[in-house]
Amino acid sequence: MSRKWLIRLIVVLVIIAVIVITRPWYILDETEQAVILQLGKPIATVKESGLHFKLPYPIQVAYKFDKRLLEYDSPPEEVITEDKKTMVIDYYARWRIVDPLLFLQTVVSEARAMVRIDDIAYSELRTEIGKVELIDVVFKERGQIMEEVTAKTNLKAQDFGVEVVDVRIKRADLPPQNEEAVFQRMQTEREQQAQQYRSEGKEEATKIQAAADREKALILAEARREAQVIRGEGEAEALRIYAEAYNQDPEFFAFLRTMEMYEKSFSEKDTLILTPESEILNYLKTPKQPAAQD
């Protein structure tokens, strides 16, 4: 190889090396956005993906930032409710970079941005939880509380070119030293409430039993009255039938009644002392035979 060709090859390699080192281009994928600085001053914000060209380094520099939805997971923090109960709150925040230039000018990196978001979110969380009681945080108003925290955190985070989409509580616990006392108090309250329910139930049962007893007494009284009426009507009907039977054949009726009296009065264990003239013995006497005529 001649010296001339060697020089040309060296020049080409040097040019290629300079191009590679200065990188007069940059590539953005679908998840990235960039801010272009020229001699330290921002001149453009690029959000379109693809291949882009710029002046060689260090004249122009491209700073890339993620434009996806990011998540910050906070360590557990203590907060105090309105009723002076301490809670350990484990929460997270979802956020994204919406103004990369402002983001670069204020917080520079995602790590520093998450520190600022944590400060804001924790401050707003303490403020909102301090307005409500523990039971509201655990059960009633958590969704509304977190909506307020998200809105206020997002409003303040806009100063850093960040949009906070959501702040949510993953877990809300009591400090270990408070759990036993709270559980005992909750148990006592539930026992008092159960006792109240039992007392109210007994009172209601007494009322129902009294009403049932009154209804029973009324039904029995009405039944006895109707029974007496029916019995009286039956006895009157029986007397009427007896009277009719007696009028049809008084002698036979007297005989029948006497036989019934014999059946009820005479037995092997009974002893009756009667005079021969007693009317009870009328039907036991042998009728006298008429005297024979000559």
C-alpha atoms as a PDB file:
ATOM      1  CA  MET A   1       0.000   0.000   0.000  1.00  0.00           C
ATOM      2  CA  SER A   2       1.392   3.385  -0.978  1.00  0.00           C
ATOM      3  CA  ARG A   3       1.908   6.154   1.496  1.00  0.00           C
ATOM      4  CA  LYS A   4      -0.826   8.215  -0.154  1.00  0.00           C
ATOM      5  CA  TRP A   5      -3.496   5.563   0.423  1.00  0.00           C
ATOM      6  CA  LEU A   6      -2.326   5.112   3.988  1.00  0.00           C
ATOM      7  CA  ILE A   7      -2.820   8.801   4.689  1.00  0.00           C
ATOM      8  CA  ARG A   8      -6.314   8.683   3.189  1.00  0.00           C
ATOM      9  CA  LEU A   9      -7.222   5.687   5.319  1.00  0.00           C
ATOM     10  CA  ILE A  10      -5.982   7.437   8.463  1.00  0.00           C
ATOM     11  CA  VAL A  11      -8.029  10.548   7.597  1.00  0.00           C
ATOM     12  CA  VAL A  12     -11.169   8.468   7.074  1.00  0.00           C
ATOM     13  CA  LEU A  13     -10.671   6.645  10.356  1.00  0.00           C
ATOM     14  CA  VAL A  14     -10.119   9.926  12.177  1.00  0.00           C
ATOM     15  CA  ILE A  15     -13.320  11.349  10.669  1.00  0.00           C
ATOM     16  CA  ILE A  16     -15.260   8.251  11.672  1.00  0.00           C
ATOM     17  CA  ALA A  17     -13.809   8.411  15.185  1.00  0.00           C
ATOM     18  CA  VAL A  18     -14.765  12.079  15.492  1.00  0.00           C
ATOM     19  CA  ILE A  19     -18.311  11.344  14.299  1.00  0.00           C
ATOM     20  CA  VAL A  20     -18.666   8.469  16.756  1.00  0.00           C
ATOM     21  CA  ILE A  21     -17.279  10.528  19.639  1.00  0.00           C
ATOM     22  CA  THR A  22     -19.289  13.689  18.941  1.00  0.00           C
ATOM     23  CA  ARG A  23     -22.472  11.736  18.035  1.00  0.00           C
ATOM     24  CA  PRO A  24     -24.311  14.324  15.916  1.00  0.00           C
ATOM     25  CA  TRP A  25     -27.511  12.258  16.276  1.00  0.00           C
ATOM     26  CA  TYR A  26     -29.689  10.674  18.947  1.00  0.00           C
ATOM     27  CA  ILE A  27     -32.478   8.104  18.944  1.00  0.00           C
ATOM     28  CA  LEU A  28     -35.708   8.272  20.977  1.00  0.00           C
ATOM     29  CA  ASP A  29     -37.917   5.263  21.392  1.00  0.00           C
ATOM     30  CA  GLU A  30     -41.653   5.352  22.199  1.00  0.00           C
ATOM     31  CA  THR A  31     -41.038   5.680  25.956  1.00  0.00           C
ATOM     32  CA  GLU A  32     -38.587   8.619  25.812  1.00  0.00           C
ATOM     33  CA  GLN A  33     -38.535  12.377  25.402  1.00  0.00           C
ATOM     34  CA  ALA A  34     -35.542  14.725  25.273  1.00  0.00           C
ATOM     35  CA  VAL A  35     -34.359  18.247  25.977  1.00  0.00           C
ATOM     36  CA  ILE A  36     -31.633  19.696  23.698  1.00  0.00           C
ATOM     37  CA  LEU A  37     -29.082  22.036  25.267  1.00  0.00           C
ATOM     38  CA  GLN A  38     -26.779  24.196  23.222  1.00  0.00           C
ATOM     39  CA  LEU A  39     -23.758  25.383  25.139  1.00  0.00           C
ATOM     40  CA  GLY A  40     -25.724  24.786  28.347  1.00  0.00           C
ATOM     41  CA  LYS A  41     -28.868  26.622  27.256  1.00  0.00           C
ATOM     42  CA  PRO A  42     -32.127  24.767  26.364  1.00  0.00           C
ATOM     43  CA  ILE A  43     -33.188  25.264  22.756  1.00  0.00           C
ATOM     44  CA  ALA A  44     -35.714  22.490  22.088  1.00  0.00           C
ATOM     45  CA  THR A  45     -37.924  19.792  23.604  1.00  0.00           C
ATOM     46  CA  VAL A  46     -38.399  16.657  21.511  1.00  0.00           C
ATOM     47  CA  LYS A  47     -41.165  14.115  22.232  1.00  0.00           C
ATOM     48  CA  GLU A  48     -41.389  12.346  18.855  1.00  0.00           C
ATOM     49  CA  SER A  49     -39.695   8.956  18.679  1.00  0.00           C
ATOM     50  CA  GLY A  50     -37.151   8.063  16.006  1.00  0.00           C
ATOM     51  CA  LEU A  51     -33.747   9.229  14.740  1.00  0.00           C
ATOM     52  CA  HIS A  52     -32.901  12.918  15.312  1.00  0.00           C
ATOM     53  CA  PHE A  53     -29.834  14.990  14.436  1.00  0.00           C
ATOM     54  CA  LYS A  54     -28.048  17.689  16.430  1.00  0.00           C
ATOM     55  CA  LEU A  55     -24.787  19.539  16.442  1.00  0.00           C
ATOM     56  CA  PRO A  56     -21.805  17.517  17.653  1.00  0.00           C
ATOM     57  CA  TYR A  57     -20.975  17.254  21.330  1.00  0.00           C
ATOM     58  CA  PRO A  58     -20.227  19.394  23.288  1.00  0.00           C
ATOM     59  CA  ILE A  59     -22.017  22.096  21.290  1.00  0.00           C
ATOM     60  CA  GLN A  60     -25.389  20.386  21.697  1.00  0.00           C
ATOM     61  CA  VAL A  61     -26.323  17.737  24.254  1.00  0.00           C
ATOM     62  CA  ALA A  62     -29.546  15.632  24.415  1.00  0.00           C
ATOM     63  CA  TYR A  63     -30.924  14.796  27.864  1.00  0.00           C
ATOM     64  CA  LYS A  64     -33.434  11.939  27.729  1.00  0.00           C
ATOM     65  CA  PHE A  65     -36.323  11.396  30.161  1.00  0.00           C
ATOM     66  CA  ASP A  66     -38.904   8.657  30.534  1.00  0.00           C
ATOM     67  CA  LYS A  67     -42.422   9.644  29.512  1.00  0.00           C
ATOM     68  CA  ARG A  68     -44.133   6.503  30.877  1.00  0.00           C
ATOM     69  CA  LEU A  69     -46.200   6.340  34.062  1.00  0.00           C
ATOM     70  CA  LEU A  70     -43.714   5.923  36.907  1.00  0.00           C
ATOM     71  CA  GLU A  71     -44.276   4.709  40.464  1.00  0.00           C
ATOM     72  CA  TYR A  72     -42.844   5.804  43.763  1.00  0.00           C
ATOM     73  CA  ASP A  73     -43.264   3.373  46.676  1.00  0.00           C
ATOM     74  CA  SER A  74     -42.896   5.185  49.981  1.00  0.00           C
ATOM     75  CA  PRO A  75     -41.555   3.544  53.136  1.00  0.00           C
ATOM     76  CA  PRO A  76     -44.101   3.301  55.991  1.00  0.00           C
ATOM     77  CA  GLU A  77     -44.651   6.620  57.764  1.00  0.00           C
ATOM     78  CA  GLU A  78     -46.478   7.546  60.974  1.00  0.00           C
ATOM     79  CA  VAL A  79     -49.455   9.936  60.924  1.00  0.00           C
ATOM     80  CA  ILE A  80     -51.866  11.103  63.643  1.00  0.00           C
ATOM     81  CA  THR A  81     -55.646  11.184  63.190  1.00  0.00           C
ATOM     82  CA  GLU A  82     -58.072  13.772  64.530  1.00  0.00           C
ATOM     83  CA  ASP A  83     -58.887  11.564  67.537  1.00  0.00           C
ATOM     84  CA  LYS A  84     -55.153  11.435  68.373  1.00  0.00           C
ATOM     85  CA  LYS A  85     -54.560   7.880  67.134  1.00  0.00           C
ATOM     86  CA  THR A  86     -51.167   7.101  65.604  1.00  0.00           C
ATOM     87  CA  MET A  87     -51.202   5.082  62.385  1.00  0.00           C
ATOM     88  CA  VAL A  88     -48.435   3.640  60.228  1.00  0.00           C
ATOM     89  CA  ILE A  89     -49.287   4.400  56.590  1.00  0.00           C
ATOM     90  CA  ASP A  90     -47.676   2.585  53.654  1.00  0.00           C
ATOM     91  CA  TYR A  91     -48.557   4.412  50.434  1.00  0.00           C
ATOM     92  CA  TYR A  92     -47.432   4.798  46.822  1.00  0.00           C
ATOM     93  CA  ALA A  93     -47.695   7.459  44.112  1.00  0.00           C
ATOM     94  CA  ARG A  94     -47.962   7.172  40.316  1.00  0.00           C
ATOM     95  CA  TRP A  95     -46.509  10.075  38.327  1.00  0.00           C
ATOM     96  CA  ARG A  96     -45.111  11.096  34.942  1.00  0.00           C
ATOM     97  CA  ILE A  97     -42.860  13.775  33.469  1.00  0.00           C
ATOM     98  CA  VAL A  98     -45.015  16.148  31.404  1.00  0.00           C
ATOM     99  CA  ASP A  99     -42.613  19.084  31.013  1.00  0.00           C
ATOM    100  CA  PRO A 100     -39.080  17.689  30.532  1.00  0.00           C
ATOM    101  CA  LEU A 101     -37.483  21.152  30.306  1.00  0.00           C
ATOM    102  CA  LEU A 102     -38.946  22.315  33.626  1.00  0.00           C
ATOM    103  CA  PHE A 103     -38.103  18.911  35.092  1.00  0.00           C
ATOM    104  CA  LEU A 104     -34.459  19.321  34.021  1.00  0.00           C
ATOM    105  CA  GLN A 105     -34.275  22.867  35.397  1.00  0.00           C
ATOM    106  CA  THR A 106     -35.767  21.993  38.818  1.00  0.00           C
ATOM    107  CA  VAL A 107     -35.065  18.409  39.900  1.00  0.00           C
ATOM    108  CA  VAL A 108     -32.807  17.093  37.085  1.00  0.00           C
ATOM    109  CA  SER A 109     -33.259  13.373  37.789  1.00  0.00           C
ATOM    110  CA  GLU A 110     -36.008  10.875  38.657  1.00  0.00           C
ATOM    111  CA  ALA A 111     -34.381  10.082  42.018  1.00  0.00           C
ATOM    112  CA  ARG A 112     -34.540  13.708  43.134  1.00  0.00           C
ATOM    113  CA  ALA A 113     -38.052  14.031  41.748  1.00  0.00           C
ATOM    114  CA  MET A 114     -39.245  11.115  43.878  1.00  0.00           C
ATOM    115  CA  VAL A 115     -37.743  12.727  46.971  1.00  0.00           C
ATOM    116  CA  ARG A 116     -39.753  15.898  46.276  1.00  0.00           C
ATOM    117  CA  ILE A 117     -42.915  13.914  45.545  1.00  0.00           C
ATOM    118  CA  ASP A 118     -42.485  12.009  48.803  1.00  0.00           C
ATOM    119  CA  ASP A 119     -42.143  15.260  50.764  1.00  0.00           C
ATOM    120  CA  ILE A 120     -45.273  16.726  49.183  1.00  0.00           C
ATOM    121  CA  ALA A 121     -47.405  13.573  49.348  1.00  0.00           C
ATOM    122  CA  TYR A 122     -46.479  12.816  52.956  1.00  0.00           C
ATOM    123  CA  SER A 123     -47.221  16.393  54.007  1.00  0.00           C
ATOM    124  CA  GLU A 124     -50.631  16.351  52.323  1.00  0.00           C
ATOM    125  CA  LEU A 125     -51.372  12.881  53.704  1.00  0.00           C
ATOM    126  CA  ARG A 126     -50.659  14.006  57.271  1.00  0.00           C
ATOM    127  CA  THR A 127     -52.831  17.082  56.787  1.00  0.00           C
ATOM    128  CA  GLU A 128     -55.843  15.196  55.397  1.00  0.00           C
ATOM    129  CA  ILE A 129     -55.672  12.275  57.845  1.00  0.00           C
ATOM    130  CA  GLY A 130     -55.344  14.774  60.705  1.00  0.00           C
ATOM    131  CA  LYS A 131     -58.828  16.043  59.798  1.00  0.00           C
ATOM    132  CA  VAL A 132     -60.628  12.705  60.296  1.00  0.00           C
ATOM    133  CA  GLU A 133     -60.869   9.970  62.912  1.00  0.00           C
ATOM    134  CA  LEU A 134     -59.186   6.581  62.692  1.00  0.00           C
ATOM    135  CA  ILE A 135     -62.389   4.712  61.755  1.00  0.00           C
ATOM    136  CA  ASP A 136     -62.858   7.041  58.773  1.00  0.00           C
ATOM    137  CA  VAL A 137     -59.351   6.301  57.481  1.00  0.00           C
ATOM    138  CA  VAL A 138     -59.800   2.559  57.864  1.00  0.00           C
ATOM    139  CA  PHE A 139     -63.370   2.203  56.687  1.00  0.00           C
ATOM    140  CA  LYS A 140     -65.472   5.195  55.667  1.00  0.00           C
ATOM    141  CA  GLU A 141     -63.614   7.995  53.878  1.00  0.00           C
ATOM    142  CA  ARG A 142     -60.307   6.579  52.599  1.00  0.00           C
ATOM    143  CA  GLY A 143     -61.209   7.070  48.932  1.00  0.00           C
ATOM    144  CA  GLN A 144     -62.194  10.713  49.436  1.00  0.00           C
ATOM    145  CA  ILE A 145     -59.079  11.366  51.524  1.00  0.00           C
ATOM    146  CA  MET A 146     -56.786   9.988  48.839  1.00  0.00           C
ATOM    147  CA  GLU A 147     -58.531  11.989  46.105  1.00  0.00           C
ATOM    148  CA  GLU A 148     -57.809  15.162  48.077  1.00  0.00           C
ATOM    149  CA  VAL A 149     -54.192  14.131  48.650  1.00  0.00           C
ATOM    150  CA  THR A 150     -53.715  13.324  44.956  1.00  0.00           C
ATOM    151  CA  ALA A 151     -55.192  16.636  43.787  1.00  0.00           C
ATOM    152  CA  LYS A 152     -53.121  18.761  46.174  1.00  0.00           C
ATOM    153  CA  THR A 153     -49.915  16.795  45.556  1.00  0.00           C
ATOM    154  CA  ASN A 154     -50.351  17.133  41.793  1.00  0.00           C
ATOM    155  CA  LEU A 155     -50.933  20.876  42.098  1.00  0.00           C
ATOM    156  CA  LYS A 156     -47.630  21.377  43.915  1.00  0.00           C
ATOM    157  CA  ALA A 157     -45.688  18.846  41.784  1.00  0.00           C
ATOM    158  CA  GLN A 158     -46.494  20.836  38.618  1.00  0.00           C
ATOM    159  CA  ASP A 159     -43.744  23.243  39.671  1.00  0.00           C
ATOM    160  CA  PHE A 160     -41.281  20.469  38.775  1.00  0.00           C
ATOM    161  CA  GLY A 161     -42.804  19.546  35.407  1.00  0.00           C
ATOM    162  CA  VAL A 162     -44.407  16.464  36.973  1.00  0.00           C
ATOM    163  CA  GLU A 163     -48.006  15.224  36.943  1.00  0.00           C
ATOM    164  CA  VAL A 164     -49.040  13.097  39.944  1.00  0.00           C
ATOM    165  CA  VAL A 165     -51.791  10.789  38.674  1.00  0.00           C
ATOM    166  CA  ASP A 166     -52.627   8.872  41.853  1.00  0.00           C
ATOM    167  CA  VAL A 167     -51.677   8.548  45.504  1.00  0.00           C
ATOM    168  CA  ARG A 168     -52.997   5.461  47.316  1.00  0.00           C
ATOM    169  CA  ILE A 169     -52.627   3.793  50.703  1.00  0.00           C
ATOM    170  CA  LYS A 170     -51.436   0.201  50.415  1.00  0.00           C
ATOM    171  CA  ARG A 171     -51.687  -0.564  54.091  1.00  0.00           C
ATOM    172  CA  ALA A 172     -52.739   1.252  57.260  1.00  0.00           C
ATOM    173  CA  ASP A 173     -51.685  -0.281  60.576  1.00  0.00           C
ATOM    174  CA  LEU A 174     -51.417   0.712  64.193  1.00  0.00           C
ATOM    175  CA  PRO A 175     -48.013   0.938  65.878  1.00  0.00           C
ATOM    176  CA  PRO A 176     -47.282  -2.302  67.783  1.00  0.00           C
ATOM    177  CA  GLN A 177     -47.436  -0.543  71.160  1.00  0.00           C
ATOM    178  CA  ASN A 178     -50.960   0.749  70.421  1.00  0.00           C
ATOM    179  CA  GLU A 179     -52.509  -2.331  68.840  1.00  0.00           C
ATOM    180  CA  GLU A 180     -53.339  -4.172  72.062  1.00  0.00           C
ATOM    181  CA  ALA A 181     -54.948  -1.138  73.710  1.00  0.00           C
ATOM    182  CA  VAL A 182     -57.001  -0.345  70.640  1.00  0.00           C
ATOM    183  CA  PHE A 183     -58.103  -3.955  70.226  1.00  0.00           C
ATOM    184  CA  GLN A 184     -59.170  -4.131  73.877  1.00  0.00           C
ATOM    185  CA  ARG A 185     -61.117  -0.900  73.583  1.00  0.00           C
ATOM    186  CA  MET A 186     -62.771  -2.106  70.383  1.00  0.00           C
ATOM    187  CA  GLN A 187     -63.656  -5.383  72.092  1.00  0.00           C
ATOM    188  CA  THR A 188     -65.167  -3.518  75.051  1.00  0.00           C
ATOM    189  CA  GLU A 189     -67.204  -1.301  72.749  1.00  0.00           C
ATOM    190  CA  ARG A 190     -68.471  -4.311  70.804  1.00  0.00           C
ATOM    191  CA  GLU A 191     -69.394  -6.123  74.028  1.00  0.00           C
ATOM    192  CA  GLN A 192     -71.314  -3.071  75.243  1.00  0.00           C
ATOM    193  CA  GLN A 193     -73.097  -2.843  71.936  1.00  0.00           C
ATOM    194  CA  ALA A 194     -73.905  -6.567  72.038  1.00  0.00           C
ATOM    195  CA  GLN A 195     -75.247  -6.204  75.581  1.00  0.00           C
ATOM    196  CA  GLN A 196     -77.424  -3.327  74.437  1.00  0.00           C
ATOM    197  CA  TYR A 197     -78.751  -5.411  71.554  1.00  0.00           C
ATOM    198  CA  ARG A 198     -79.469  -8.301  73.940  1.00  0.00           C
ATOM    199  CA  SER A 199     -81.297  -5.993  76.368  1.00  0.00           C
ATOM    200  CA  GLU A 200     -83.355  -4.510  73.566  1.00  0.00           C
ATOM    201  CA  GLY A 201     -84.099  -8.023  72.324  1.00  0.00           C
ATOM    202  CA  LYS A 202     -85.244  -9.161  75.765  1.00  0.00           C
ATOM    203  CA  GLU A 203     -87.450  -6.088  76.116  1.00  0.00           C
ATOM    204  CA  GLU A 204     -88.993  -6.728  72.723  1.00  0.00           C
ATOM    205  CA  ALA A 205     -89.459 -10.420  73.591  1.00  0.00           C
ATOM    206  CA  THR A 206     -91.248  -9.430  76.823  1.00  0.00           C
ATOM    207  CA  LYS A 207     -93.572  -7.153  74.887  1.00  0.00           C
ATOM    208  CA  ILE A 208     -94.321  -9.891  72.355  1.00  0.00           C
ATOM    209  CA  GLN A 209     -94.884 -12.457  75.145  1.00  0.00           C
ATOM    210  CA  ALA A 210     -97.247 -10.085  76.988  1.00  0.00           C
ATOM    211  CA  ALA A 211     -99.195  -9.414  73.803  1.00  0.00           C
ATOM    212  CA  ALA A 212     -99.382 -13.154  73.114  1.00  0.00           C
ATOM    213  CA  ASP A 213    -100.593 -13.838  76.676  1.00  0.00           C
ATOM    214  CA  ARG A 214    -103.299 -11.200  76.336  1.00  0.00           C
ATOM    215  CA  GLU A 215    -104.364 -12.658  73.015  1.00  0.00           C
ATOM    216  CA  LYS A 216    -104.382 -16.146  74.554  1.00  0.00           C
ATOM    217  CA  ALA A 217    -106.532 -14.986  77.493  1.00  0.00           C
ATOM    218  CA  LEU A 218    -108.995 -13.317  75.139  1.00  0.00           C
ATOM    219  CA  ILE A 219    -109.220 -16.413  72.941  1.00  0.00           C
ATOM    220  CA  LEU A 220    -109.722 -18.718  75.968  1.00  0.00           C
ATOM    221  CA  ALA A 221    -112.367 -16.428  77.465  1.00  0.00           C
ATOM    222  CA  GLU A 222    -114.214 -16.296  74.181  1.00  0.00           C
ATOM    223  CA  ALA A 223    -113.938 -20.067  73.830  1.00  0.00           C
ATOM    224  CA  ARG A 224    -115.307 -20.614  77.368  1.00  0.00           C
ATOM    225  CA  ARG A 225    -118.174 -18.241  76.692  1.00  0.00           C
ATOM    226  CA  GLU A 226    -119.039 -20.016  73.471  1.00  0.00           C
ATOM    227  CA  ALA A 227    -118.731 -23.403  75.251  1.00  0.00           C
ATOM    228  CA  GLN A 228    -121.108 -22.279  77.989  1.00  0.00           C
ATOM    229  CA  VAL A 229    -123.588 -21.032  75.409  1.00  0.00           C
ATOM    230  CA  ILE A 230    -123.390 -24.284  73.476  1.00  0.00           C
ATOM    231  CA  ARG A 231    -123.632 -26.326  76.716  1.00  0.00           C
ATOM    232  CA  GLY A 232    -126.669 -24.334  77.821  1.00  0.00           C
ATOM    233  CA  GLU A 233    -128.287 -24.786  74.442  1.00  0.00           C
ATOM    234  CA  GLY A 234    -127.531 -28.533  74.612  1.00  0.00           C
ATOM    235  CA  GLU A 235    -128.951 -28.873  78.083  1.00  0.00           C
ATOM    236  CA  ALA A 236    -132.062 -26.969  77.071  1.00  0.00           C
ATOM    237  CA  GLU A 237    -132.463 -29.204  74.057  1.00  0.00           C
ATOM    238  CA  ALA A 238    -131.976 -32.289  76.249  1.00  0.00           C
ATOM    239  CA  LEU A 239    -134.623 -31.078  78.679  1.00  0.00           C
ATOM    240  CA  ARG A 240    -136.960 -30.447  75.807  1.00  0.00           C
ATOM    241  CA  ILE A 241    -136.410 -33.963  74.465  1.00  0.00           C
ATOM    242  CA  TYR A 242    -136.869 -35.431  77.957  1.00  0.00           C
ATOM    243  CA  ALA A 243    -140.071 -33.470  78.388  1.00  0.00           C
ATOM    244  CA  GLU A 244    -141.418 -34.647  75.061  1.00  0.00           C
ATOM    245  CA  ALA A 245    -140.525 -38.235  75.893  1.00  0.00           C
ATOM    246  CA  TYR A 246    -142.096 -37.944  79.328  1.00  0.00           C
ATOM    247  CA  ASN A 247    -145.305 -36.539  77.901  1.00  0.00           C
ATOM    248  CA  GLN A 248    -145.553 -39.384  75.389  1.00  0.00           C
ATOM    249  CA  ASP A 249    -145.337 -42.158  78.047  1.00  0.00           C
ATOM    250  CA  PRO A 250    -144.861 -40.976  81.632  1.00  0.00           C
ATOM    251  CA  GLU A 251    -145.011 -44.496  83.063  1.00  0.00           C
ATOM    252  CA  PHE A 252    -142.282 -45.813  80.773  1.00  0.00           C
ATOM    253  CA  PHE A 253    -140.160 -42.736  81.352  1.00  0.00           C
ATOM    254  CA  ALA A 254    -140.469 -43.193  85.113  1.00  0.00           C
ATOM    255  CA  PHE A 255    -139.529 -46.847  84.723  1.00  0.00           C
ATOM    256  CA  LEU A 256    -136.493 -45.967  82.578  1.00  0.00           C
ATOM    257  CA  ARG A 257    -135.250 -43.365  85.035  1.00  0.00           C
ATOM    258  CA  THR A 258    -135.720 -45.795  87.901  1.00  0.00           C
ATOM    259  CA  MET A 259    -133.664 -48.440  86.101  1.00  0.00           C
ATOM    260  CA  GLU A 260    -130.881 -45.929  85.524  1.00  0.00           C
ATOM    261  CA  MET A 261    -130.978 -45.071  89.203  1.00  0.00           C
ATOM    262  CA  TYR A 262    -130.758 -48.769  90.114  1.00  0.00           C
ATOM    263  CA  GLU A 263    -127.706 -49.169  87.881  1.00  0.00           C
ATOM    264  CA  LYS A 264    -125.899 -46.209  89.425  1.00  0.00           C
ATOM    265  CA  SER A 265    -126.905 -46.900  93.026  1.00  0.00           C
ATOM    266  CA  PHE A 266    -126.704 -50.664  93.514  1.00  0.00           C
ATOM    267  CA  SER A 267    -123.404 -52.561  93.528  1.00  0.00           C
ATOM    268  CA  GLU A 268    -121.867 -55.527  95.322  1.00  0.00           C
ATOM    269  CA  LYS A 269    -120.056 -53.242  97.785  1.00  0.00           C
ATOM    270  CA  ASP A 270    -123.008 -50.989  98.564  1.00  0.00           C
ATOM    271  CA  THR A 271    -125.585 -51.665 101.277  1.00  0.00           C
ATOM    272  CA  LEU A 272    -128.886 -49.800 101.267  1.00  0.00           C
ATOM    273  CA  ILE A 273    -131.377 -49.903 104.098  1.00  0.00           C
ATOM    274  CA  LEU A 274    -134.863 -49.153 102.828  1.00  0.00           C
ATOM    275  CA  THR A 275    -138.373 -49.609 104.185  1.00  0.00           C
ATOM    276  CA  PRO A 276    -140.714 -51.882 102.311  1.00  0.00           C
ATOM    277  CA  GLU A 277    -142.881 -48.879 101.527  1.00  0.00           C
ATOM    278  CA  SER A 278    -140.011 -46.977  99.746  1.00  0.00           C
ATOM    279  CA  GLU A 279    -140.925 -45.869  96.236  1.00  0.00           C
ATOM    280  CA  ILE A 280    -137.533 -46.990  95.005  1.00  0.00           C
ATOM    281  CA  LEU A 281    -138.604 -50.598  95.459  1.00  0.00           C
ATOM    282  CA  ASN A 282    -141.841 -50.231  93.541  1.00  0.00           C
ATOM    283  CA  TYR A 283    -140.513 -51.975  90.461  1.00  0.00           C
ATOM    284  CA  LEU A 284    -138.835 -54.721  92.551  1.00  0.00           C
ATOM    285  CA  LYS A 285    -141.995 -55.805  94.331  1.00  0.00           C
ATOM    286  CA  THR A 286    -143.910 -58.852  93.142  1.00  0.00           C
ATOM    287  CA  PRO A 287    -147.296 -57.721  92.008  1.00  0.00           C
ATOM    288  CA  LYS A 288    -150.142 -59.120  94.186  1.00  0.00           C
ATOM    289  CA  GLN A 289    -152.178 -61.917  92.687  1.00  0.00           C
ATOM    290  CA  PRO A 290    -155.918 -61.331  92.622  1.00  0.00           C
ATOM    291  CA  ALA A 291    -157.861 -63.464  95.083  1.00  0.00           C
ATOM    292  CA  ALA A 292    -159.548 -66.638  93.689  1.00  0.00           C
ATOM    293  CA  GLN A 293    -163.304 -66.556  93.622  1.00  0.00           C
ATOM    294  CA  ASP A 294    -165.390 -69.485  94.713  1.00  0.00           C
END
